[in-house]
Structures are given as structure tokens and as C-alpha cells.
Amino acid sequence: MWKTIYKCDKIVADEVTIQDVLLNNYRMGVRMYYNLHGLLNLAKEQEVPLWKVILENEMKLSQMTEEEVFANLSRRYKVMVASSHKAMNQKLHIEGSLINGLAYSQNQYAKQGDTLSGEWLNHVMALALSSSEVNVGMGRVCAAPTAGSCGILPAVLIGMKEAKNLSEREVLQGLLTASGVGAVVMKNATVAGAEGGCQAECGVAAAMAAAAAVEMSGGSAQMALHAFSLVLINVMGLVCDPIAGLVQVPCAQRNASQAVNAIICADMAMAGMKCIVPADEVVEAMYRVGKQLPYELKETGLGGLAATPTAKTIRERIFGRE
């Protein structure tokens, strides 16, 4: 049972049932989707990309105009841009940080031109690392979907904008795609490392980014969900094991690597690769795996990398002996 429905920041009902919610949506003319299959079906029926279906639902549920929705997206995107660039060209010096200067070093390496994965991918990694550094310094980031994974989606959106010379409106359409598929995961599973491991945090952020990247590249809604699914199967079972319980290592490195995961999965999907397991089943599997992980591997800092002798020494240096 849902306690309250909010509409235009006003409480419209208390102690309502799911049936009440559905009836309310019907009266509002909202064609709801409750999973990724439903979202895809609506996109196919209307012959539109995912972002247009998501926009239509957002407008009807929030009673905002299209321009108001995009204005909200633009505000968040500007936060993403600021955090993604803050540590790129200067080393941040944050007290107690284990990741000072990573974004700067990665960006300098990208610029030298002699890299294994190319200048652009290294640039994308640097963008992701920058947001992670800003987060460590208690700076302003956009949790997309969490603060611990805040570098992934911005890095992919900004990287795509630069690589394909996209307008801000096109980038915001990608952000809308990402937010829509991410919201479905939040409804049906989890995006919290403390509940589902890093597969649910950095993994879902990368899946959101992959879906956005496909649609920003002109790929179909079906391709976008294949990319989304491919990302998650690549990180299935990834644990959350922050050293000293801090959202720094390996969190920052996973922001960088999962931004790349998003891009290569978008490429695989647009090349025609399909995930043979439907997206909703992939999400369900991820959620089930997360539930099966022991608590030591879910953000407690008690297992995985955090349980190594070196990590324990770092923890003692920061917090002292228990």
C-alpha cells in the first residue's frame, strides 16, 4: 500500500491502494510503463525514441510543460559539466583524499596522443574521475543515480556531445533517456551499493549512460535497451568494497571504467549485438545477485579490496586503531 500520492507538490490522497494509483493515472490520461518492456512497447507503438515516451509521462505526472522539464534537466546538466571539468586541468588538493590528481593525470595522458585506447576514451575517463574527486571534496555533484557513481553519466554525455558535436538539447534528450530507464530500475530493483553492491550503483549508472549514448547516436529504442542490458551483464556480481569505508577507492576507478563500459556496450548494440535475456530479466537477476551478496561486500568496508592488509593499514592511518 502506498501512503501518499504527490501531485504538483500537494498531497492528493492518503492511504491509497495501487488500484487507486492506476485509476488516478487513467483519469489523467497517462499511459504508464512499469518496466522496461512496457517502455519499449510504447516507443515502438508511437515510433519514437525512448526519451519522448519518458518526456510525455513526466509532463503528465508533474504537470510541467516540455520546456519546464528541459529547464530542470539543463540545471542538472550544468552541475554535471562543472564537476566533470573542475579537476581536469588542475590538481585538486583535498585533505584525506586517496584520489587527488587522478583526473588531471588521466587528462594529461589523453592529450599526449600515445595511448592504448585512444585520446577520446582517456578523456572520458578523466571526466568521470573529475566528478569523483569533486564528490570526495564535498563539492556539488549530480547523483546519477548516486553520488558514488556521479562521474559515469556526465562523462558519457559530455564525451558524446564533444565527439558528435551535439547541441545541448540533444544532450538533454539523452539525459532524459538515462533518467527514465534509471527510474525503472529504482522502482523494480535498487541502485544502492549498500543493498545491491557496485553492480547496482556504478553498473546501473553505466547502463543508463549506454542507453543514452545509443539514442544520442541515432540508434533505436531497442538498441538502447540492448546496450543497457549488456552493461549490466558485464558487471553482474560486482561488489561494493570501499577502502576505509570511503567513497574513493575503488569507486573513482570504477567510475572511469564504467563510463568506458557504457560506450563499448553502446557500440556493440549499434553493431547489431543483442542481449538474449530481456532487459527486465537482467535487472531482476542483478537485484537477486545483490541480495545474495554477503553484507561484507555491500559498502561496509569489511570485505573485498577493503579487507586487504594494505587497505586495513590505510584505514588505521585515517581513523586510528579500533
C-alpha atoms as a PDB file:
ATOM      1  CA  MET A   1       0.000   0.000   0.000  1.00  0.00           C
ATOM      2  CA  TRP A   2       1.280   3.461  -0.860  1.00  0.00           C
ATOM      3  CA  LYS A   3       0.929   6.055   1.873  1.00  0.00           C
ATOM      4  CA  THR A   4       0.675   9.170  -0.261  1.00  0.00           C
ATOM      5  CA  ILE A   5       0.476  10.361  -3.849  1.00  0.00           C
ATOM      6  CA  TYR A   6       2.104  13.700  -4.580  1.00  0.00           C
ATOM      7  CA  LYS A   7       0.947  15.865  -7.447  1.00  0.00           C
ATOM      8  CA  CYS A   8       2.247  19.391  -8.018  1.00  0.00           C
ATOM      9  CA  ASP A   9       3.792  19.304  -4.541  1.00  0.00           C
ATOM     10  CA  LYS A  10       0.374  18.792  -2.940  1.00  0.00           C
ATOM     11  CA  ILE A  11      -0.929  15.702  -1.208  1.00  0.00           C
ATOM     12  CA  VAL A  12      -3.889  14.449  -3.214  1.00  0.00           C
ATOM     13  CA  ALA A  13      -4.617  11.189  -1.420  1.00  0.00           C
ATOM     14  CA  ASP A  14      -3.704   9.245   1.710  1.00  0.00           C
ATOM     15  CA  GLU A  15      -3.649   5.508   2.352  1.00  0.00           C
ATOM     16  CA  VAL A  16      -4.312   4.742  -1.299  1.00  0.00           C
ATOM     17  CA  THR A  17      -4.038   1.374  -2.963  1.00  0.00           C
ATOM     18  CA  ILE A  18      -2.221   0.506  -6.160  1.00  0.00           C
ATOM     19  CA  GLN A  19      -5.640   0.366  -7.831  1.00  0.00           C
ATOM     20  CA  ASP A  20      -6.260   3.957  -6.763  1.00  0.00           C
ATOM     21  CA  VAL A  21      -2.956   4.984  -8.305  1.00  0.00           C
ATOM     22  CA  LEU A  22      -3.787   3.257 -11.580  1.00  0.00           C
ATOM     23  CA  LEU A  23      -7.238   4.846 -11.670  1.00  0.00           C
ATOM     24  CA  ASN A  24      -5.752   8.268 -10.980  1.00  0.00           C
ATOM     25  CA  ASN A  25      -3.265   7.795 -13.814  1.00  0.00           C
ATOM     26  CA  TYR A  26      -6.021   6.648 -16.144  1.00  0.00           C
ATOM     27  CA  ARG A  27      -8.073   9.751 -15.407  1.00  0.00           C
ATOM     28  CA  MET A  28      -5.015  11.888 -16.115  1.00  0.00           C
ATOM     29  CA  GLY A  29      -4.571  10.154 -19.471  1.00  0.00           C
ATOM     30  CA  VAL A  30      -1.161   8.789 -18.562  1.00  0.00           C
ATOM     31  CA  ARG A  31      -0.044   5.667 -20.420  1.00  0.00           C
ATOM     32  CA  MET A  32       2.176   4.289 -17.714  1.00  0.00           C
ATOM     33  CA  TYR A  33       5.051   1.883 -18.013  1.00  0.00           C
ATOM     34  CA  TYR A  34       6.198  -0.087 -15.019  1.00  0.00           C
ATOM     35  CA  ASN A  35       9.106  -1.922 -16.572  1.00  0.00           C
ATOM     36  CA  LEU A  36      11.484  -1.616 -19.498  1.00  0.00           C
ATOM     37  CA  HIS A  37       9.356  -3.882 -21.688  1.00  0.00           C
ATOM     38  CA  GLY A  38       6.403  -1.542 -21.251  1.00  0.00           C
ATOM     39  CA  LEU A  39       8.568   1.488 -22.004  1.00  0.00           C
ATOM     40  CA  LEU A  40       9.880  -0.135 -25.177  1.00  0.00           C
ATOM     41  CA  ASN A  41       6.388  -1.135 -26.320  1.00  0.00           C
ATOM     42  CA  LEU A  42       5.165   2.444 -26.027  1.00  0.00           C
ATOM     43  CA  ALA A  43       8.177   3.672 -28.005  1.00  0.00           C
ATOM     44  CA  LYS A  44       7.518   1.111 -30.711  1.00  0.00           C
ATOM     45  CA  GLU A  45       3.790   1.856 -30.871  1.00  0.00           C
ATOM     46  CA  GLN A  46       4.417   5.561 -31.238  1.00  0.00           C
ATOM     47  CA  GLU A  47       7.515   5.071 -33.411  1.00  0.00           C
ATOM     48  CA  VAL A  48       9.519   7.436 -31.234  1.00  0.00           C
ATOM     49  CA  PRO A  49      12.730   7.173 -29.189  1.00  0.00           C
ATOM     50  CA  LEU A  50      12.590   6.303 -25.510  1.00  0.00           C
ATOM     51  CA  TRP A  51      13.145   9.888 -24.414  1.00  0.00           C
ATOM     52  CA  LYS A  52       9.884  11.043 -25.997  1.00  0.00           C
ATOM     53  CA  VAL A  53       7.840   8.450 -24.101  1.00  0.00           C
ATOM     54  CA  ILE A  54       9.636   9.378 -20.891  1.00  0.00           C
ATOM     55  CA  LEU A  55       9.030  13.073 -21.563  1.00  0.00           C
ATOM     56  CA  GLU A  56       5.309  12.522 -22.149  1.00  0.00           C
ATOM     57  CA  ASN A  57       4.944  10.688 -18.848  1.00  0.00           C
ATOM     58  CA  GLU A  58       6.977  13.263 -16.964  1.00  0.00           C
ATOM     59  CA  MET A  59       4.877  16.106 -18.325  1.00  0.00           C
ATOM     60  CA  LYS A  60       1.589  14.461 -17.405  1.00  0.00           C
ATOM     61  CA  LEU A  61       2.652  13.298 -13.959  1.00  0.00           C
ATOM     62  CA  SER A  62       4.410  16.517 -12.954  1.00  0.00           C
ATOM     63  CA  GLN A  63       2.088  18.848 -14.887  1.00  0.00           C
ATOM     64  CA  MET A  64       5.139  20.649 -16.195  1.00  0.00           C
ATOM     65  CA  THR A  65       5.463  21.852 -19.769  1.00  0.00           C
ATOM     66  CA  GLU A  66       8.061  20.401 -22.105  1.00  0.00           C
ATOM     67  CA  GLU A  67      10.237  23.463 -21.691  1.00  0.00           C
ATOM     68  CA  GLU A  68       9.964  23.275 -17.899  1.00  0.00           C
ATOM     69  CA  VAL A  69      11.104  19.654 -17.966  1.00  0.00           C
ATOM     70  CA  PHE A  70      14.074  20.556 -20.146  1.00  0.00           C
ATOM     71  CA  ALA A  71      14.869  23.550 -17.956  1.00  0.00           C
ATOM     72  CA  ASN A  72      15.134  21.191 -14.970  1.00  0.00           C
ATOM     73  CA  LEU A  73      17.332  18.854 -16.978  1.00  0.00           C
ATOM     74  CA  SER A  74      19.518  21.773 -18.052  1.00  0.00           C
ATOM     75  CA  ARG A  75      20.120  22.817 -14.444  1.00  0.00           C
ATOM     76  CA  ARG A  76      21.279  19.341 -13.559  1.00  0.00           C
ATOM     77  CA  TYR A  77      23.401  19.048 -16.679  1.00  0.00           C
ATOM     78  CA  LYS A  78      25.209  22.275 -15.800  1.00  0.00           C
ATOM     79  CA  VAL A  79      26.119  20.753 -12.425  1.00  0.00           C
ATOM     80  CA  MET A  80      27.445  17.712 -14.278  1.00  0.00           C
ATOM     81  CA  VAL A  81      29.547  19.858 -16.592  1.00  0.00           C
ATOM     82  CA  ALA A  82      31.051  21.820 -13.714  1.00  0.00           C
ATOM     83  CA  SER A  83      32.029  18.741 -11.696  1.00  0.00           C
ATOM     84  CA  SER A  84      33.349  16.924 -14.764  1.00  0.00           C
ATOM     85  CA  HIS A  85      35.743  19.751 -15.618  1.00  0.00           C
ATOM     86  CA  LYS A  86      36.799  21.049 -12.196  1.00  0.00           C
ATOM     87  CA  ALA A  87      39.693  18.632 -11.680  1.00  0.00           C
ATOM     88  CA  MET A  88      40.657  18.130 -15.328  1.00  0.00           C
ATOM     89  CA  ASN A  89      43.219  20.906 -15.745  1.00  0.00           C
ATOM     90  CA  GLN A  90      44.332  21.433 -12.166  1.00  0.00           C
ATOM     91  CA  LYS A  91      45.105  19.036  -9.359  1.00  0.00           C
ATOM     92  CA  LEU A  92      42.657  19.269  -6.505  1.00  0.00           C
ATOM     93  CA  HIS A  93      44.226  19.044  -3.057  1.00  0.00           C
ATOM     94  CA  ILE A  94      41.613  17.593  -0.742  1.00  0.00           C
ATOM     95  CA  GLU A  95      42.510  16.750   2.835  1.00  0.00           C
ATOM     96  CA  GLY A  96      42.418  12.992   3.380  1.00  0.00           C
ATOM     97  CA  SER A  97      41.707  12.155  -0.254  1.00  0.00           C
ATOM     98  CA  LEU A  98      43.108   8.948  -1.709  1.00  0.00           C
ATOM     99  CA  ILE A  99      42.422  10.069  -5.288  1.00  0.00           C
ATOM    100  CA  ASN A 100      43.924  13.563  -5.515  1.00  0.00           C
ATOM    101  CA  GLY A 101      45.071  14.405  -9.034  1.00  0.00           C
ATOM    102  CA  LEU A 102      43.732  11.327 -10.840  1.00  0.00           C
ATOM    103  CA  ALA A 103      41.586  13.290 -13.279  1.00  0.00           C
ATOM    104  CA  TYR A 104      44.414  15.718 -14.083  1.00  0.00           C
ATOM    105  CA  SER A 105      46.898  12.897 -14.720  1.00  0.00           C
ATOM    106  CA  GLN A 106      44.438  10.992 -16.903  1.00  0.00           C
ATOM    107  CA  ASN A 107      43.641  14.107 -18.913  1.00  0.00           C
ATOM    108  CA  GLN A 108      47.332  14.906 -19.435  1.00  0.00           C
ATOM    109  CA  TYR A 109      47.905  11.338 -20.578  1.00  0.00           C
ATOM    110  CA  ALA A 110      44.984  11.635 -23.006  1.00  0.00           C
ATOM    111  CA  LYS A 111      46.435  14.794 -24.507  1.00  0.00           C
ATOM    112  CA  GLN A 112      49.824  13.252 -25.270  1.00  0.00           C
ATOM    113  CA  GLY A 113      48.221  11.210 -28.044  1.00  0.00           C
ATOM    114  CA  ASP A 114      50.183   7.995 -27.472  1.00  0.00           C
ATOM    115  CA  THR A 115      47.616   5.899 -25.613  1.00  0.00           C
ATOM    116  CA  LEU A 116      46.354   2.360 -25.908  1.00  0.00           C
ATOM    117  CA  SER A 117      42.631   3.108 -26.064  1.00  0.00           C
ATOM    118  CA  GLY A 118      42.761   6.456 -27.827  1.00  0.00           C
ATOM    119  CA  GLU A 119      42.589  10.082 -26.735  1.00  0.00           C
ATOM    120  CA  TRP A 120      38.789  10.258 -26.540  1.00  0.00           C
ATOM    121  CA  LEU A 121      38.250   7.299 -24.205  1.00  0.00           C
ATOM    122  CA  ASN A 122      41.009   8.567 -21.942  1.00  0.00           C
ATOM    123  CA  HIS A 123      39.359  11.983 -21.962  1.00  0.00           C
ATOM    124  CA  VAL A 124      36.029  10.391 -20.973  1.00  0.00           C
ATOM    125  CA  MET A 125      37.752   8.572 -18.118  1.00  0.00           C
ATOM    126  CA  ALA A 126      39.264  11.858 -16.931  1.00  0.00           C
ATOM    127  CA  LEU A 127      35.823  13.487 -16.947  1.00  0.00           C
ATOM    128  CA  ALA A 128      34.460  10.687 -14.779  1.00  0.00           C
ATOM    129  CA  LEU A 129      37.398  10.886 -12.380  1.00  0.00           C
ATOM    130  CA  SER A 130      36.941  14.635 -12.011  1.00  0.00           C
ATOM    131  CA  SER A 131      33.398  14.268 -10.672  1.00  0.00           C
ATOM    132  CA  SER A 132      34.610  11.588  -8.262  1.00  0.00           C
ATOM    133  CA  GLU A 133      37.256  13.966  -6.930  1.00  0.00           C
ATOM    134  CA  VAL A 134      34.716  16.759  -6.544  1.00  0.00           C
ATOM    135  CA  ASN A 135      32.456  14.389  -4.638  1.00  0.00           C
ATOM    136  CA  VAL A 136      35.281  13.472  -2.250  1.00  0.00           C
ATOM    137  CA  GLY A 137      35.856  17.169  -1.616  1.00  0.00           C
ATOM    138  CA  MET A 138      32.190  17.616  -0.685  1.00  0.00           C
ATOM    139  CA  GLY A 139      31.686  19.647  -3.847  1.00  0.00           C
ATOM    140  CA  ARG A 140      28.487  19.854  -5.837  1.00  0.00           C
ATOM    141  CA  VAL A 141      27.724  16.810  -7.976  1.00  0.00           C
ATOM    142  CA  CYS A 142      24.640  15.371  -9.610  1.00  0.00           C
ATOM    143  CA  ALA A 143      23.821  11.967  -8.137  1.00  0.00           C
ATOM    144  CA  ALA A 144      23.009   9.987 -11.260  1.00  0.00           C
ATOM    145  CA  PRO A 145      21.805   7.756  -9.801  1.00  0.00           C
ATOM    146  CA  THR A 146      24.068   8.070  -6.714  1.00  0.00           C
ATOM    147  CA  ALA A 147      26.902  10.289  -5.516  1.00  0.00           C
ATOM    148  CA  GLY A 148      29.254   7.313  -5.578  1.00  0.00           C
ATOM    149  CA  SER A 149      28.568   6.834  -9.295  1.00  0.00           C
ATOM    150  CA  CYS A 150      28.274  10.546 -10.100  1.00  0.00           C
ATOM    151  CA  GLY A 151      31.017  10.609 -12.737  1.00  0.00           C
ATOM    152  CA  ILE A 152      29.745   7.992 -15.169  1.00  0.00           C
ATOM    153  CA  LEU A 153      26.698   9.524 -16.820  1.00  0.00           C
ATOM    154  CA  PRO A 154      28.172  13.046 -17.024  1.00  0.00           C
ATOM    155  CA  ALA A 155      31.362  11.739 -18.625  1.00  0.00           C
ATOM    156  CA  VAL A 156      29.444   9.856 -21.294  1.00  0.00           C
ATOM    157  CA  LEU A 157      27.020  12.707 -22.009  1.00  0.00           C
ATOM    158  CA  ILE A 158      29.796  15.287 -22.263  1.00  0.00           C
ATOM    159  CA  GLY A 159      32.037  12.941 -24.227  1.00  0.00           C
ATOM    160  CA  MET A 160      29.232  12.243 -26.690  1.00  0.00           C
ATOM    161  CA  LYS A 161      28.487  15.953 -27.067  1.00  0.00           C
ATOM    162  CA  GLU A 162      32.098  16.686 -27.893  1.00  0.00           C
ATOM    163  CA  ALA A 163      32.631  13.710 -30.196  1.00  0.00           C
ATOM    164  CA  LYS A 164      29.462  14.177 -32.199  1.00  0.00           C
ATOM    165  CA  ASN A 165      29.150  17.970 -31.955  1.00  0.00           C
ATOM    166  CA  LEU A 166      25.685  17.690 -30.416  1.00  0.00           C
ATOM    167  CA  SER A 167      23.525  20.558 -29.264  1.00  0.00           C
ATOM    168  CA  GLU A 168      22.665  20.895 -25.588  1.00  0.00           C
ATOM    169  CA  ARG A 169      19.073  19.960 -26.415  1.00  0.00           C
ATOM    170  CA  GLU A 170      20.262  16.660 -27.897  1.00  0.00           C
ATOM    171  CA  VAL A 171      22.351  16.001 -24.818  1.00  0.00           C
ATOM    172  CA  LEU A 172      19.359  16.702 -22.578  1.00  0.00           C
ATOM    173  CA  GLN A 173      17.327  14.220 -24.585  1.00  0.00           C
ATOM    174  CA  GLY A 174      19.998  11.664 -23.759  1.00  0.00           C
ATOM    175  CA  LEU A 175      19.815  12.664 -20.110  1.00  0.00           C
ATOM    176  CA  LEU A 176      16.062  12.127 -20.251  1.00  0.00           C
ATOM    177  CA  THR A 177      16.560   8.626 -21.670  1.00  0.00           C
ATOM    178  CA  ALA A 178      19.048   7.834 -18.917  1.00  0.00           C
ATOM    179  CA  SER A 179      16.768   9.154 -16.176  1.00  0.00           C
ATOM    180  CA  GLY A 180      13.790   7.192 -17.467  1.00  0.00           C
ATOM    181  CA  VAL A 181      15.489   3.812 -17.577  1.00  0.00           C
ATOM    182  CA  GLY A 182      17.200   4.530 -14.264  1.00  0.00           C
ATOM    183  CA  ALA A 183      13.859   5.305 -12.652  1.00  0.00           C
ATOM    184  CA  VAL A 184      12.551   1.909 -13.753  1.00  0.00           C
ATOM    185  CA  VAL A 185      15.493   0.193 -12.063  1.00  0.00           C
ATOM    186  CA  MET A 186      14.900   2.176  -8.882  1.00  0.00           C
ATOM    187  CA  LYS A 187      11.251   1.112  -8.927  1.00  0.00           C
ATOM    188  CA  ASN A 188      11.895  -2.574  -9.543  1.00  0.00           C
ATOM    189  CA  ALA A 189      15.336  -3.178  -8.023  1.00  0.00           C
ATOM    190  CA  THR A 190      17.962  -0.904  -6.451  1.00  0.00           C
ATOM    191  CA  VAL A 191      20.778   1.494  -7.306  1.00  0.00           C
ATOM    192  CA  ALA A 192      22.335   1.433  -3.829  1.00  0.00           C
ATOM    193  CA  GLY A 193      25.703  -0.189  -3.253  1.00  0.00           C
ATOM    194  CA  ALA A 194      24.648  -0.897   0.328  1.00  0.00           C
ATOM    195  CA  GLU A 195      21.784  -3.014  -0.968  1.00  0.00           C
ATOM    196  CA  GLY A 196      22.988  -4.470  -4.247  1.00  0.00           C
ATOM    197  CA  GLY A 197      26.745  -3.979  -4.486  1.00  0.00           C
ATOM    198  CA  CYS A 198      28.583  -1.849  -7.018  1.00  0.00           C
ATOM    199  CA  GLN A 199      26.802  -3.668  -9.852  1.00  0.00           C
ATOM    200  CA  ALA A 200      23.704  -1.780  -8.722  1.00  0.00           C
ATOM    201  CA  GLU A 201      25.448   1.563  -8.295  1.00  0.00           C
ATOM    202  CA  CYS A 202      28.153   2.064 -10.908  1.00  0.00           C
ATOM    203  CA  GLY A 203      26.597  -0.690 -13.038  1.00  0.00           C
ATOM    204  CA  VAL A 204      23.203   0.956 -13.310  1.00  0.00           C
ATOM    205  CA  ALA A 205      24.805   4.363 -13.886  1.00  0.00           C
ATOM    206  CA  ALA A 206      26.705   2.868 -16.823  1.00  0.00           C
ATOM    207  CA  ALA A 207      23.581   1.131 -18.127  1.00  0.00           C
ATOM    208  CA  MET A 208      21.729   4.451 -18.034  1.00  0.00           C
ATOM    209  CA  ALA A 209      24.606   6.101 -19.885  1.00  0.00           C
ATOM    210  CA  ALA A 210      24.735   3.362 -22.526  1.00  0.00           C
ATOM    211  CA  ALA A 211      21.040   3.725 -23.335  1.00  0.00           C
ATOM    212  CA  ALA A 212      21.524   7.480 -23.626  1.00  0.00           C
ATOM    213  CA  ALA A 213      24.596   7.086 -25.844  1.00  0.00           C
ATOM    214  CA  VAL A 214      22.700   4.868 -28.284  1.00  0.00           C
ATOM    215  CA  GLU A 215      19.821   7.296 -28.685  1.00  0.00           C
ATOM    216  CA  MET A 216      22.188  10.269 -28.912  1.00  0.00           C
ATOM    217  CA  SER A 217      23.880   8.410 -31.780  1.00  0.00           C
ATOM    218  CA  GLY A 218      20.628   7.790 -33.624  1.00  0.00           C
ATOM    219  CA  GLY A 219      20.197   4.182 -32.557  1.00  0.00           C
ATOM    220  CA  SER A 220      16.775   2.642 -31.977  1.00  0.00           C
ATOM    221  CA  ALA A 221      14.946   2.257 -28.689  1.00  0.00           C
ATOM    222  CA  GLN A 222      15.517  -1.493 -28.918  1.00  0.00           C
ATOM    223  CA  MET A 223      19.240  -0.968 -29.387  1.00  0.00           C
ATOM    224  CA  ALA A 224      19.294   1.355 -26.382  1.00  0.00           C
ATOM    225  CA  LEU A 225      17.869  -1.356 -24.145  1.00  0.00           C
ATOM    226  CA  HIS A 226      20.249  -3.949 -25.554  1.00  0.00           C
ATOM    227  CA  ALA A 227      23.139  -1.642 -24.636  1.00  0.00           C
ATOM    228  CA  PHE A 228      21.611  -1.126 -21.189  1.00  0.00           C
ATOM    229  CA  SER A 229      21.429  -4.891 -20.658  1.00  0.00           C
ATOM    230  CA  LEU A 230      24.920  -5.590 -21.998  1.00  0.00           C
ATOM    231  CA  VAL A 231      26.374  -3.164 -19.473  1.00  0.00           C
ATOM    232  CA  LEU A 232      24.708  -4.934 -16.569  1.00  0.00           C
ATOM    233  CA  ILE A 233      25.760  -8.420 -17.647  1.00  0.00           C
ATOM    234  CA  ASN A 234      29.339  -7.122 -17.840  1.00  0.00           C
ATOM    235  CA  VAL A 235      29.278  -6.100 -14.171  1.00  0.00           C
ATOM    236  CA  MET A 236      26.984  -8.745 -12.720  1.00  0.00           C
ATOM    237  CA  GLY A 237      28.179  -9.559  -9.223  1.00  0.00           C
ATOM    238  CA  LEU A 238      30.462  -6.542  -8.839  1.00  0.00           C
ATOM    239  CA  VAL A 239      30.868  -5.955  -5.115  1.00  0.00           C
ATOM    240  CA  CYS A 240      30.959  -2.679  -3.188  1.00  0.00           C
ATOM    241  CA  ASP A 241      34.191  -2.695  -1.173  1.00  0.00           C
ATOM    242  CA  PRO A 242      35.395   0.858  -0.490  1.00  0.00           C
ATOM    243  CA  ILE A 243      38.735   1.127   1.283  1.00  0.00           C
ATOM    244  CA  ALA A 244      38.240   2.516   4.812  1.00  0.00           C
ATOM    245  CA  GLY A 245      34.541   2.805   4.006  1.00  0.00           C
ATOM    246  CA  LEU A 246      35.247   5.953   1.978  1.00  0.00           C
ATOM    247  CA  VAL A 247      33.724   6.583  -1.445  1.00  0.00           C
ATOM    248  CA  GLN A 248      37.114   6.925  -3.090  1.00  0.00           C
ATOM    249  CA  VAL A 249      38.927   3.676  -3.973  1.00  0.00           C
ATOM    250  CA  PRO A 250      37.909   1.664  -5.944  1.00  0.00           C
ATOM    251  CA  CYS A 251      34.873   3.903  -6.533  1.00  0.00           C
ATOM    252  CA  ALA A 252      36.693   6.502  -8.637  1.00  0.00           C
ATOM    253  CA  GLN A 253      38.360   3.842 -10.775  1.00  0.00           C
ATOM    254  CA  ARG A 254      35.001   2.181 -11.343  1.00  0.00           C
ATOM    255  CA  ASN A 255      33.503   5.490 -12.420  1.00  0.00           C
ATOM    256  CA  ALA A 256      36.179   5.696 -15.099  1.00  0.00           C
ATOM    257  CA  SER A 257      35.927   2.074 -16.195  1.00  0.00           C
ATOM    258  CA  GLN A 258      32.137   2.020 -16.244  1.00  0.00           C
ATOM    259  CA  ALA A 259      31.991   5.136 -18.401  1.00  0.00           C
ATOM    260  CA  VAL A 260      34.022   3.121 -20.914  1.00  0.00           C
ATOM    261  CA  ASN A 261      31.789   0.085 -20.363  1.00  0.00           C
ATOM    262  CA  ALA A 262      28.798   2.241 -21.320  1.00  0.00           C
ATOM    263  CA  ILE A 263      30.436   3.385 -24.533  1.00  0.00           C
ATOM    264  CA  ILE A 264      31.616  -0.026 -25.727  1.00  0.00           C
ATOM    265  CA  CYS A 265      28.225  -1.583 -24.959  1.00  0.00           C
ATOM    266  CA  ALA A 266      26.509   1.174 -26.933  1.00  0.00           C
ATOM    267  CA  ASP A 267      28.828   0.346 -29.826  1.00  0.00           C
ATOM    268  CA  MET A 268      28.115  -3.376 -29.535  1.00  0.00           C
ATOM    269  CA  ALA A 269      24.374  -2.763 -29.568  1.00  0.00           C
ATOM    270  CA  MET A 270      24.560  -0.451 -32.566  1.00  0.00           C
ATOM    271  CA  ALA A 271      26.687  -3.041 -34.359  1.00  0.00           C
ATOM    272  CA  GLY A 272      23.740  -5.409 -34.036  1.00  0.00           C
ATOM    273  CA  MET A 273      24.617  -7.307 -30.867  1.00  0.00           C
ATOM    274  CA  LYS A 274      21.555  -8.291 -28.861  1.00  0.00           C
ATOM    275  CA  CYS A 275      21.280  -9.309 -25.257  1.00  0.00           C
ATOM    276  CA  ILE A 276      19.367 -12.581 -25.459  1.00  0.00           C
ATOM    277  CA  VAL A 277      17.956 -12.055 -21.964  1.00  0.00           C
ATOM    278  CA  PRO A 278      15.279  -9.298 -21.839  1.00  0.00           C
ATOM    279  CA  ALA A 279      16.265  -6.118 -20.024  1.00  0.00           C
ATOM    280  CA  ASP A 280      13.763  -6.581 -17.196  1.00  0.00           C
ATOM    281  CA  GLU A 281      15.087 -10.079 -16.516  1.00  0.00           C
ATOM    282  CA  VAL A 282      18.643  -8.729 -16.461  1.00  0.00           C
ATOM    283  CA  VAL A 283      17.585  -6.130 -13.876  1.00  0.00           C
ATOM    284  CA  GLU A 284      15.856  -8.831 -11.839  1.00  0.00           C
ATOM    285  CA  ALA A 285      18.963 -11.028 -11.987  1.00  0.00           C
ATOM    286  CA  MET A 286      21.140  -8.122 -10.865  1.00  0.00           C
ATOM    287  CA  TYR A 287      18.817  -7.432  -7.955  1.00  0.00           C
ATOM    288  CA  ARG A 288      18.750 -11.101  -6.951  1.00  0.00           C
ATOM    289  CA  VAL A 289      22.543 -11.326  -7.070  1.00  0.00           C
ATOM    290  CA  GLY A 290      22.750  -8.218  -4.929  1.00  0.00           C
ATOM    291  CA  LYS A 291      20.508  -9.782  -2.320  1.00  0.00           C
ATOM    292  CA  GLN A 292      22.724 -12.862  -2.284  1.00  0.00           C
ATOM    293  CA  LEU A 293      25.911 -10.902  -1.644  1.00  0.00           C
ATOM    294  CA  PRO A 294      27.073 -11.027   1.981  1.00  0.00           C
ATOM    295  CA  TYR A 295      26.866  -7.753   3.879  1.00  0.00           C
ATOM    296  CA  GLU A 296      30.667  -7.538   3.954  1.00  0.00           C
ATOM    297  CA  LEU A 297      30.557  -6.896   0.194  1.00  0.00           C
ATOM    298  CA  LYS A 298      27.899  -4.191   0.283  1.00  0.00           C
ATOM    299  CA  GLU A 299      29.520  -0.868   1.214  1.00  0.00           C
ATOM    300  CA  THR A 300      30.539  -1.879   4.723  1.00  0.00           C
ATOM    301  CA  GLY A 301      34.258  -1.718   4.007  1.00  0.00           C
ATOM    302  CA  LEU A 302      34.677  -5.158   5.559  1.00  0.00           C
ATOM    303  CA  GLY A 303      35.280  -7.349   2.517  1.00  0.00           C
ATOM    304  CA  GLY A 304      36.849  -7.487  -0.910  1.00  0.00           C
ATOM    305  CA  LEU A 305      39.542  -4.893  -1.576  1.00  0.00           C
ATOM    306  CA  ALA A 306      38.752  -3.177   1.727  1.00  0.00           C
ATOM    307  CA  ALA A 307      39.781  -6.305   3.648  1.00  0.00           C
ATOM    308  CA  THR A 308      43.313  -6.483   2.243  1.00  0.00           C
ATOM    309  CA  PRO A 309      46.251  -5.786   4.599  1.00  0.00           C
ATOM    310  CA  THR A 310      47.129  -2.589   2.762  1.00  0.00           C
ATOM    311  CA  ALA A 311      43.562  -1.310   2.915  1.00  0.00           C
ATOM    312  CA  LYS A 312      43.419  -2.051   6.643  1.00  0.00           C
ATOM    313  CA  THR A 313      46.630  -0.101   7.148  1.00  0.00           C
ATOM    314  CA  ILE A 314      45.145   2.851   5.269  1.00  0.00           C
ATOM    315  CA  ARG A 315      42.037   2.693   7.415  1.00  0.00           C
ATOM    316  CA  GLU A 316      44.138   2.723  10.606  1.00  0.00           C
ATOM    317  CA  ARG A 317      46.150   5.650   9.327  1.00  0.00           C
ATOM    318  CA  ILE A 318      42.971   7.654   8.697  1.00  0.00           C
ATOM    319  CA  PHE A 319      40.825   6.642  11.643  1.00  0.00           C
ATOM    320  CA  GLY A 320      43.274   5.093  14.097  1.00  0.00           C
ATOM    321  CA  ARG A 321      43.085   1.644  15.618  1.00  0.00           C
ATOM    322  CA  GLU A 322      39.638   0.491  16.693  1.00  0.00           C
END
